[in-house]
Amino acid sequence: MLGCDVHLRLLILLTYFLSSLHIAGEDSVFSDWA
């Protein structure tokens, strides 16, 4: 149960990080993910 919660938090942090890169206009590296 705790493991799932940790994974969920990591997923949210990763999504926020990628969103920040996209907003900053530095998403060229992740262009293939869009």
PDB file of N, CA and C in Angstrom:
ATOM      1  N   MET A   1       0.844  -1.196   0.000  1.00  0.00           N
ATOM      2  CA  MET A   1       0.000   0.000   0.000  1.00  0.00           C
ATOM      3  C   MET A   1       0.885   1.254   0.000  1.00  0.00           C
ATOM      4  N   LEU A   2       1.906   1.204   0.858  1.00  0.00           N
ATOM      5  CA  LEU A   2       2.813   2.348   0.932  1.00  0.00           C
ATOM      6  C   LEU A   2       3.593   2.496  -0.369  1.00  0.00           C
ATOM      7  N   GLY A   3       3.979   1.350  -0.954  1.00  0.00           N
ATOM      8  CA  GLY A   3       4.723   1.390  -2.206  1.00  0.00           C
ATOM      9  C   GLY A   3       3.921   2.057  -3.312  1.00  0.00           C
ATOM     10  N   CYS A   4       2.629   1.743  -3.373  1.00  0.00           N
ATOM     11  CA  CYS A   4       1.774   2.328  -4.403  1.00  0.00           C
ATOM     12  C   CYS A   4       1.690   3.839  -4.208  1.00  0.00           C
ATOM     13  N   ASP A   5       1.598   4.267  -2.947  1.00  0.00           N
ATOM     14  CA  ASP A   5       1.505   5.692  -2.655  1.00  0.00           C
ATOM     15  C   ASP A   5       2.777   6.407  -3.086  1.00  0.00           C
ATOM     16  N   VAL A   6       3.922   5.772  -2.820  1.00  0.00           N
ATOM     17  CA  VAL A   6       5.202   6.372  -3.205  1.00  0.00           C
ATOM     18  C   VAL A   6       5.302   6.474  -4.723  1.00  0.00           C
ATOM     19  N   HIS A   7       4.902   5.417  -5.414  1.00  0.00           N
ATOM     20  CA  HIS A   7       4.953   5.431  -6.877  1.00  0.00           C
ATOM     21  C   HIS A   7       4.031   6.504  -7.430  1.00  0.00           C
ATOM     22  N   LEU A   8       2.864   6.673  -6.806  1.00  0.00           N
ATOM     23  CA  LEU A   8       1.913   7.688  -7.264  1.00  0.00           C
ATOM     24  C   LEU A   8       2.514   9.076  -7.104  1.00  0.00           C
ATOM     25  N   ARG A   9       3.163   9.307  -5.971  1.00  0.00           N
ATOM     26  CA  ARG A   9       3.781  10.619  -5.734  1.00  0.00           C
ATOM     27  C   ARG A   9       4.904  10.872  -6.734  1.00  0.00           C
ATOM     28  N   LEU A  10       5.701   9.837  -7.012  1.00  0.00           N
ATOM     29  CA  LEU A  10       6.793   9.992  -7.978  1.00  0.00           C
ATOM     30  C   LEU A  10       6.232  10.305  -9.363  1.00  0.00           C
ATOM     31  N   LEU A  11       5.119   9.650  -9.715  1.00  0.00           N
ATOM     32  CA  LEU A  11       4.499   9.892 -11.012  1.00  0.00           C
ATOM     33  C   LEU A  11       4.011  11.332 -11.108  1.00  0.00           C
ATOM     34  N   ILE A  12       3.429  11.843 -10.024  1.00  0.00           N
ATOM     35  CA  ILE A  12       2.942  13.223 -10.009  1.00  0.00           C
ATOM     36  C   ILE A  12       4.113  14.189 -10.143  1.00  0.00           C
ATOM     37  N   LEU A  13       5.206  13.912  -9.420  1.00  0.00           N
ATOM     38  CA  LEU A  13       6.376  14.783  -9.492  1.00  0.00           C
ATOM     39  C   LEU A  13       6.970  14.772 -10.897  1.00  0.00           C
ATOM     40  N   LEU A  14       7.012  13.588 -11.521  1.00  0.00           N
ATOM     41  CA  LEU A  14       7.558  13.475 -12.868  1.00  0.00           C
ATOM     42  C   LEU A  14       6.688  14.253 -13.853  1.00  0.00           C
ATOM     43  N   THR A  15       5.369  14.125 -13.707  1.00  0.00           N
ATOM     44  CA  THR A  15       4.445  14.843 -14.587  1.00  0.00           C
ATOM     45  C   THR A  15       4.622  16.350 -14.422  1.00  0.00           C
ATOM     46  N   TYR A  16       4.766  16.806 -13.182  1.00  0.00           N
ATOM     47  CA  TYR A  16       4.958  18.233 -12.913  1.00  0.00           C
ATOM     48  C   TYR A  16       6.270  18.720 -13.524  1.00  0.00           C
ATOM     49  N   PHE A  17       7.317  17.889 -13.403  1.00  0.00           N
ATOM     50  CA  PHE A  17       8.627  18.241 -13.949  1.00  0.00           C
ATOM     51  C   PHE A  17       8.561  18.388 -15.468  1.00  0.00           C
ATOM     52  N   LEU A  18       7.931  17.408 -16.133  1.00  0.00           N
ATOM     53  CA  LEU A  18       7.813  17.458 -17.590  1.00  0.00           C
ATOM     54  C   LEU A  18       6.957  18.641 -18.013  1.00  0.00           C
ATOM     55  N   SER A  19       5.914  18.946 -17.237  1.00  0.00           N
ATOM     56  CA  SER A  19       5.044  20.076 -17.561  1.00  0.00           C
ATOM     57  C   SER A  19       5.831  21.376 -17.450  1.00  0.00           C
ATOM     58  N   SER A  20       6.694  21.462 -16.441  1.00  0.00           N
ATOM     59  CA  SER A  20       7.509  22.656 -16.255  1.00  0.00           C
ATOM     60  C   SER A  20       8.446  22.840 -17.444  1.00  0.00           C
ATOM     61  N   LEU A  21       9.038  21.742 -17.913  1.00  0.00           N
ATOM     62  CA  LEU A  21       9.931  21.821 -19.067  1.00  0.00           C
ATOM     63  C   LEU A  21       9.159  22.286 -20.295  1.00  0.00           C
ATOM     64  N   HIS A  22       7.937  21.778 -20.449  1.00  0.00           N
ATOM     65  CA  HIS A  22       7.116  22.139 -21.603  1.00  0.00           C
ATOM     66  C   HIS A  22       6.766  23.625 -21.557  1.00  0.00           C
ATOM     67  N   ILE A  23       6.412  24.113 -20.380  1.00  0.00           N
ATOM     68  CA  ILE A  23       6.057  25.526 -20.226  1.00  0.00           C
ATOM     69  C   ILE A  23       7.282  26.404 -20.468  1.00  0.00           C
ATOM     70  N   ALA A  24       8.449  25.919 -20.044  1.00  0.00           N
ATOM     71  CA  ALA A  24       9.681  26.690 -20.197  1.00  0.00           C
ATOM     72  C   ALA A  24      10.160  26.692 -21.645  1.00  0.00           C
ATOM     73  N   GLY A  25       9.536  25.837 -22.475  1.00  0.00           N
ATOM     74  CA  GLY A  25       9.921  25.784 -23.879  1.00  0.00           C
ATOM     75  C   GLY A  25      11.168  24.940 -24.095  1.00  0.00           C
ATOM     76  N   GLU A  26      11.516  24.097 -23.114  1.00  0.00           N
ATOM     77  CA  GLU A  26      12.703  23.252 -23.230  1.00  0.00           C
ATOM     78  C   GLU A  26      12.300  21.794 -23.408  1.00  0.00           C
ATOM     79  N   ASP A  27      11.168  21.571 -24.068  1.00  0.00           N
ATOM     80  CA  ASP A  27      10.655  20.210 -24.227  1.00  0.00           C
ATOM     81  C   ASP A  27      11.134  19.585 -25.531  1.00  0.00           C
ATOM     82  N   SER A  28      12.164  20.168 -26.151  1.00  0.00           N
ATOM     83  CA  SER A  28      12.663  19.624 -27.413  1.00  0.00           C
ATOM     84  C   SER A  28      13.187  18.202 -27.223  1.00  0.00           C
ATOM     85  N   VAL A  29      13.730  17.931 -26.041  1.00  0.00           N
ATOM     86  CA  VAL A  29      14.272  16.603 -25.764  1.00  0.00           C
ATOM     87  C   VAL A  29      13.144  15.587 -25.645  1.00  0.00           C
ATOM     88  N   PHE A  30      11.984  16.038 -25.146  1.00  0.00           N
ATOM     89  CA  PHE A  30      10.851  15.138 -24.953  1.00  0.00           C
ATOM     90  C   PHE A  30       9.801  15.332 -26.043  1.00  0.00           C
ATOM     91  N   SER A  31      10.214  15.883 -27.177  1.00  0.00           N
ATOM     92  CA  SER A  31       9.253  16.150 -28.252  1.00  0.00           C
ATOM     93  C   SER A  31       8.595  14.861 -28.732  1.00  0.00           C
ATOM     94  N   ASP A  32       9.336  13.745 -28.679  1.00  0.00           N
ATOM     95  CA  ASP A  32       8.786  12.471 -29.144  1.00  0.00           C
ATOM     96  C   ASP A  32       7.784  11.907 -28.143  1.00  0.00           C
ATOM     97  N   TRP A  33       7.742  12.467 -26.929  1.00  0.00           N
ATOM     98  CA  TRP A  33       6.786  11.986 -25.928  1.00  0.00           C
ATOM     99  C   TRP A  33       5.449  12.695 -26.064  1.00  0.00           C
ATOM    100  N   ALA A  34       5.472  13.880 -26.665  1.00  0.00           N
ATOM    101  CA  ALA A  34       4.250  14.687 -26.765  1.00  0.00           C
ATOM    102  C   ALA A  34       3.224  14.000 -27.654  1.00  0.00           C
TER     103      ALA A  34
END
